[in-house]
C-alpha atoms as a PDB file:
ATOM      1  CA  MET A   1      61.904  66.685  41.307  1.00  0.00           C
ATOM      2  CA  PRO A   2      61.162  66.580  37.264  1.00  0.00           C
ATOM      3  CA  MET A   3      60.347  69.405  35.292  1.00  0.00           C
ATOM      4  CA  ARG A   4      57.186  69.243  33.139  1.00  0.00           C
ATOM      5  CA  HIS A   5      57.409  71.238  29.585  1.00  0.00           C
ATOM      6  CA  ALA A   6      54.394  71.434  27.198  1.00  0.00           C
ATOM      7  CA  TYR A   7      54.373  71.642  23.459  1.00  0.00           C
ATOM      8  CA  ALA A   8      51.796  72.345  21.165  1.00  0.00           C
ATOM      9  CA  VAL A   9      50.850  71.976  17.377  1.00  0.00           C
ATOM     10  CA  GLU A  10      48.675  72.390  14.664  1.00  0.00           C
ATOM     11  CA  VAL A  11      47.899  69.952  12.208  1.00  0.00           C
ATOM     12  CA  GLU A  12      45.040  70.848   9.667  1.00  0.00           C
ATOM     13  CA  TRP A  13      44.982  68.597   6.454  1.00  0.00           C
ATOM     14  CA  THR A  14      44.450  70.471   3.299  1.00  0.00           C
ATOM     15  CA  GLY A  15      43.712  67.672   0.942  1.00  0.00           C
ATOM     16  CA  ALA A  16      40.341  66.697   0.993  1.00  0.00           C
ATOM     17  CA  GLY A  17      39.292  68.278  -2.442  1.00  0.00           C
ATOM     18  CA  GLU A  18      35.994  67.311  -3.816  1.00  0.00           C
ATOM     19  CA  GLU A  19      35.679  63.485  -2.810  1.00  0.00           C
ATOM     20  CA  GLY A  20      37.402  63.459   0.909  1.00  0.00           C
ATOM     21  CA  THR A  21      38.756  59.897   1.858  1.00  0.00           C
ATOM     22  CA  ALA A  22      35.872  58.360  -0.718  1.00  0.00           C
ATOM     23  CA  THR A  23      38.882  56.080  -2.121  1.00  0.00           C
ATOM     24  CA  TYR A  24      42.619  55.824  -0.967  1.00  0.00           C
ATOM     25  CA  ARG A  25      43.241  57.915  -4.301  1.00  0.00           C
ATOM     26  CA  SER A  26      40.863  60.259  -4.469  1.00  0.00           C
ATOM     27  CA  TYR A  27      42.815  62.360  -1.640  1.00  0.00           C
ATOM     28  CA  ARG A  28      46.098  64.538  -1.454  1.00  0.00           C
ATOM     29  CA  ARG A  29      48.080  63.762   2.152  1.00  0.00           C
ATOM     30  CA  ASP A  30      48.799  67.344   1.867  1.00  0.00           C
ATOM     31  CA  HIS A  31      48.951  68.735   5.607  1.00  0.00           C
ATOM     32  CA  VAL A  32      49.803  72.230   7.331  1.00  0.00           C
ATOM     33  CA  VAL A  33      52.143  71.567  10.352  1.00  0.00           C
ATOM     34  CA  ARG A  34      51.150  75.543  12.739  1.00  0.00           C
ATOM     35  CA  VAL A  35      53.178  76.699  15.896  1.00  0.00           C
ATOM     36  CA  GLU A  36      52.378  79.910  17.142  1.00  0.00           C
ATOM     37  CA  GLY A  37      54.112  82.381  15.793  1.00  0.00           C
ATOM     38  CA  LEU A  38      56.371  80.740  13.437  1.00  0.00           C
ATOM     39  CA  PRO A  39      56.352  79.944   9.619  1.00  0.00           C
ATOM     40  CA  ASP A  40      54.166  76.959   8.633  1.00  0.00           C
ATOM     41  CA  ILE A  41      55.270  73.733   7.739  1.00  0.00           C
ATOM     42  CA  LEU A  42      53.844  72.478   4.197  1.00  0.00           C
ATOM     43  CA  GLY A  43      53.411  68.522   4.717  1.00  0.00           C
ATOM     44  CA  SER A  44      52.548  65.657   2.991  1.00  0.00           C
ATOM     45  CA  ALA A  45      53.189  61.499   2.572  1.00  0.00           C
ATOM     46  CA  ASP A  46      56.621  60.489   1.445  1.00  0.00           C
ATOM     47  CA  PRO A  47      55.726  59.858  -2.154  1.00  0.00           C
ATOM     48  CA  THR A  48      55.847  56.494  -1.640  1.00  0.00           C
ATOM     49  CA  PHE A  49      52.816  56.498  -0.168  1.00  0.00           C
ATOM     50  CA  ARG A  50      50.786  59.113  -2.309  1.00  0.00           C
ATOM     51  CA  GLY A  51      52.557  61.690  -1.025  1.00  0.00           C
ATOM     52  CA  ASP A  52      53.612  65.362  -2.647  1.00  0.00           C
ATOM     53  CA  ARG A  53      57.574  65.104  -2.947  1.00  0.00           C
ATOM     54  CA  ALA A  54      57.600  69.030  -3.046  1.00  0.00           C
ATOM     55  CA  ARG A  55      56.507  68.930   0.873  1.00  0.00           C
ATOM     56  CA  HIS A  56      57.910  68.059   3.835  1.00  0.00           C
ATOM     57  CA  ASN A  57      57.001  64.532   5.111  1.00  0.00           C
ATOM     58  CA  PRO A  58      56.746  62.939   8.620  1.00  0.00           C
ATOM     59  CA  GLU A  59      59.762  60.976   8.184  1.00  0.00           C
ATOM     60  CA  GLN A  60      61.775  63.467   7.256  1.00  0.00           C
ATOM     61  CA  LEU A  61      60.622  65.551  10.117  1.00  0.00           C
ATOM     62  CA  LEU A  62      61.425  62.816  12.690  1.00  0.00           C
ATOM     63  CA  LEU A  63      64.844  62.817  11.566  1.00  0.00           C
ATOM     64  CA  ALA A  64      65.666  65.955  11.358  1.00  0.00           C
ATOM     65  CA  ALA A  65      64.407  66.346  14.998  1.00  0.00           C
ATOM     66  CA  LEU A  66      67.135  63.853  16.146  1.00  0.00           C
ATOM     67  CA  ALA A  67      69.449  65.276  13.780  1.00  0.00           C
ATOM     68  CA  GLN A  68      68.814  68.605  15.644  1.00  0.00           C
ATOM     69  CA  CYS A  69      68.694  67.429  19.384  1.00  0.00           C
ATOM     70  CA  HIS A  70      71.855  65.761  18.308  1.00  0.00           C
ATOM     71  CA  MET A  71      73.455  68.914  17.707  1.00  0.00           C
ATOM     72  CA  LEU A  72      72.182  71.221  20.048  1.00  0.00           C
ATOM     73  CA  SER A  73      73.095  68.716  22.822  1.00  0.00           C
ATOM     74  CA  TYR A  74      76.153  68.441  21.297  1.00  0.00           C
ATOM     75  CA  LEU A  75      77.049  71.945  21.412  1.00  0.00           C
ATOM     76  CA  HIS A  76      75.557  72.171  25.297  1.00  0.00           C
ATOM     77  CA  GLN A  77      78.626  69.638  25.437  1.00  0.00           C
ATOM     78  CA  ALA A  78      81.467  71.155  23.680  1.00  0.00           C
ATOM     79  CA  ALA A  79      80.430  74.406  25.711  1.00  0.00           C
ATOM     80  CA  SER A  80      80.533  72.658  28.843  1.00  0.00           C
ATOM     81  CA  ARG A  81      84.030  70.960  27.994  1.00  0.00           C
ATOM     82  CA  GLY A  82      85.637  74.297  26.739  1.00  0.00           C
ATOM     83  CA  ILE A  83      85.925  72.881  23.426  1.00  0.00           C
ATOM     84  CA  VAL A  84      85.134  75.769  20.594  1.00  0.00           C
ATOM     85  CA  VAL A  85      83.305  74.713  18.024  1.00  0.00           C
ATOM     86  CA  THR A  86      82.707  76.503  14.611  1.00  0.00           C
ATOM     87  CA  ALA A  87      81.016  74.677  12.424  1.00  0.00           C
ATOM     88  CA  TYR A  88      78.765  71.661  12.407  1.00  0.00           C
ATOM     89  CA  ARG A  89      76.726  69.795   9.844  1.00  0.00           C
ATOM     90  CA  ASP A  90      75.238  66.789   9.744  1.00  0.00           C
ATOM     91  CA  ALA A  91      73.679  64.514   6.704  1.00  0.00           C
ATOM     92  CA  ALA A  92      71.270  62.128   8.773  1.00  0.00           C
ATOM     93  CA  THR A  93      69.930  59.021   7.158  1.00  0.00           C
ATOM     94  CA  GLY A  94      67.049  56.376   8.849  1.00  0.00           C
ATOM     95  CA  SER A  95      65.994  53.483   7.855  1.00  0.00           C
ATOM     96  CA  MET A  96      62.358  52.469   8.004  1.00  0.00           C
ATOM     97  CA  GLU A  97      60.329  49.030   7.362  1.00  0.00           C
ATOM     98  CA  THR A  98      56.850  48.794   5.980  1.00  0.00           C
ATOM     99  CA  SER A  99      54.467  45.744   6.302  1.00  0.00           C
ATOM    100  CA  GLY A 100      51.217  45.794   5.336  1.00  0.00           C
ATOM    101  CA  THR A 101      49.515  49.245   6.165  1.00  0.00           C
ATOM    102  CA  GLY A 102      52.041  49.828   9.193  1.00  0.00           C
ATOM    103  CA  GLY A 103      55.668  50.336   9.604  1.00  0.00           C
ATOM    104  CA  ARG A 104      58.160  51.252  11.775  1.00  0.00           C
ATOM    105  CA  PHE A 105      61.985  53.016  12.148  1.00  0.00           C
ATOM    106  CA  THR A 106      64.738  50.509  12.615  1.00  0.00           C
ATOM    107  CA  GLU A 107      67.335  52.998  12.857  1.00  0.00           C
ATOM    108  CA  ALA A 108      68.234  56.465  12.165  1.00  0.00           C
ATOM    109  CA  VAL A 109      72.352  57.040  11.622  1.00  0.00           C
ATOM    110  CA  LEU A 110      73.499  61.062  12.437  1.00  0.00           C
ATOM    111  CA  HIS A 111      76.716  61.808  10.402  1.00  0.00           C
ATOM    112  CA  PRO A 112      77.605  64.849  12.041  1.00  0.00           C
ATOM    113  CA  VAL A 113      80.834  66.397  10.488  1.00  0.00           C
ATOM    114  CA  VAL A 114      82.156  69.029  13.469  1.00  0.00           C
ATOM    115  CA  THR A 115      84.896  71.606  13.040  1.00  0.00           C
ATOM    116  CA  ILE A 116      86.809  72.345  16.161  1.00  0.00           C
ATOM    117  CA  ALA A 117      89.256  75.284  17.164  1.00  0.00           C
ATOM    118  CA  ASP A 118      92.254  73.012  18.904  1.00  0.00           C
ATOM    119  CA  ALA A 119      93.203  69.791  17.412  1.00  0.00           C
ATOM    120  CA  SER A 120      94.285  68.566  20.511  1.00  0.00           C
ATOM    121  CA  GLN A 121      90.598  68.493  21.733  1.00  0.00           C
ATOM    122  CA  ALA A 122      89.868  66.157  19.106  1.00  0.00           C
ATOM    123  CA  ALA A 123      89.465  63.097  21.328  1.00  0.00           C
ATOM    124  CA  ASP A 124      87.191  65.048  23.761  1.00  0.00           C
ATOM    125  CA  ALA A 125      85.173  66.238  21.044  1.00  0.00           C
ATOM    126  CA  LEU A 126      84.576  62.778  19.681  1.00  0.00           C
ATOM    127  CA  ASP A 127      84.001  61.672  22.994  1.00  0.00           C
ATOM    128  CA  ALA A 128      81.555  64.419  23.720  1.00  0.00           C
ATOM    129  CA  HIS A 129      78.711  62.477  20.979  1.00  0.00           C
ATOM    130  CA  GLY A 130      78.398  59.807  23.723  1.00  0.00           C
ATOM    131  CA  GLN A 131      77.225  62.302  26.052  1.00  0.00           C
ATOM    132  CA  ALA A 132      75.126  64.351  23.613  1.00  0.00           C
ATOM    133  CA  GLY A 133      73.313  61.199  22.892  1.00  0.00           C
ATOM    134  CA  ALA A 134      72.498  60.830  26.142  1.00  0.00           C
ATOM    135  CA  ASP A 135      71.516  63.991  26.780  1.00  0.00           C
ATOM    136  CA  CYS A 136      68.957  64.202  23.401  1.00  0.00           C
ATOM    137  CA  PHE A 137      65.036  64.147  24.693  1.00  0.00           C
ATOM    138  CA  ILE A 138      64.092  63.106  21.029  1.00  0.00           C
ATOM    139  CA  ALA A 139      66.598  59.959  20.696  1.00  0.00           C
ATOM    140  CA  SER A 140      65.712  59.086  24.392  1.00  0.00           C
ATOM    141  CA  SER A 141      61.969  59.368  23.309  1.00  0.00           C
ATOM    142  CA  VAL A 142      61.922  56.877  20.129  1.00  0.00           C
ATOM    143  CA  ALA A 143      61.864  52.981  20.347  1.00  0.00           C
ATOM    144  CA  PHE A 144      64.743  52.335  17.478  1.00  0.00           C
ATOM    145  CA  PRO A 145      68.621  52.846  17.831  1.00  0.00           C
ATOM    146  CA  VAL A 146      69.910  56.267  17.171  1.00  0.00           C
ATOM    147  CA  LEU A 147      73.649  55.778  15.787  1.00  0.00           C
ATOM    148  CA  HIS A 148      76.288  58.403  15.721  1.00  0.00           C
ATOM    149  CA  ALA A 149      79.180  58.139  12.943  1.00  0.00           C
ATOM    150  CA  PRO A 150      80.704  61.761  13.881  1.00  0.00           C
ATOM    151  CA  THR A 151      83.734  63.161  12.185  1.00  0.00           C
ATOM    152  CA  ILE A 152      86.192  66.279  13.778  1.00  0.00           C
ATOM    153  CA  VAL A 153      87.609  68.479  11.841  1.00  0.00           C
ATOM    154  CA  ALA A 154      90.578  71.058  12.625  1.00  0.00           C
ATOM    155  CA  ASP A 155      92.446  73.348  10.649  1.00  0.00           C
ATOM    156  CA  GLY A 156      91.001  72.071   7.255  1.00  0.00           C
ATOM    157  CA  GLU A 157      92.266  68.032   8.504  1.00  0.00           C
ATOM    158  CA  VAL A 158      89.519  65.738   9.887  1.00  0.00           C
ATOM    159  CA  VAL A 159      91.389  64.626  12.978  1.00  0.00           C
ATOM    160  CA  ALA A 160      88.841  62.022  14.141  1.00  0.00           C
ATOM    161  CA  ARG A 161      86.045  59.824  13.283  1.00  0.00           C
ATOM    162  CA  ALA A 162      84.089  57.371  14.831  1.00  0.00           C
ATOM    163  CA  GLU A 163      82.054  54.327  12.890  1.00  0.00           C
ATOM    164  CA  ALA A 164      78.522  54.185  13.577  1.00  0.00           C
ATOM    165  CA  GLY A 165      77.855  53.628  17.118  1.00  0.00           C
ATOM    166  CA  HIS A 166      75.852  55.056  20.207  1.00  0.00           C
ATOM    167  CA  GLY A 167      78.403  57.637  20.713  1.00  0.00           C
ATOM    168  CA  SER A 168      82.554  57.147  20.254  1.00  0.00           C
ATOM    169  CA  GLU A 169      82.998  54.859  22.409  1.00  0.00           C
ATOM    170  CA  GLN A 170      81.175  52.413  21.160  1.00  0.00           C
ATOM    171  CA  GLY A 171      82.314  53.161  17.309  1.00  0.00           C
ATOM    172  CA  THR A 172      86.068  52.168  16.359  1.00  0.00           C
ATOM    173  CA  ALA A 173      87.538  55.818  16.848  1.00  0.00           C
ATOM    174  CA  GLU A 174      90.414  57.019  14.301  1.00  0.00           C
ATOM    175  CA  ALA A 175      92.828  59.623  15.594  1.00  0.00           C
ATOM    176  CA  GLY A 176      94.497  61.501  13.076  1.00  0.00           C
ATOM    177  CA  ALA A 177      92.313  59.589  10.365  1.00  0.00           C
END
């Protein structure tokens, strides 16, 4: 039986100014994202769409949600497999196309660099990205590919990496790269 989970956020537009939406250029895209009990997130549109570059935009937050979800799913996989992860960072990228007044993401590529304690577990650590990608709730909910190009590090050396794919089994794995 599936378990249901509920989430709530509040988004408040703060950019009305004196004229509101009288014209496309008359209003700011500034807003606040609130989650009860947590610090506010100051948001705006991407600067391309007349937004404030000093604030987070929805496209960045979507990419951040994908990277966070994959990381948390990966750490679970690592712990389940007995892989000790000592560091994890990701420099995720995303591509979006626009047409007229609409647009859509066409892909996201996660570039996690994972440091593990035991170099002999590099292949399993690389493989765990495939299951983490399948387990990620956010990636399972979007209508575009979420690819992974992981690098595994042990003892300060790159011990494995994979080209962008839906997990290491679809990338080109390089052991001892």
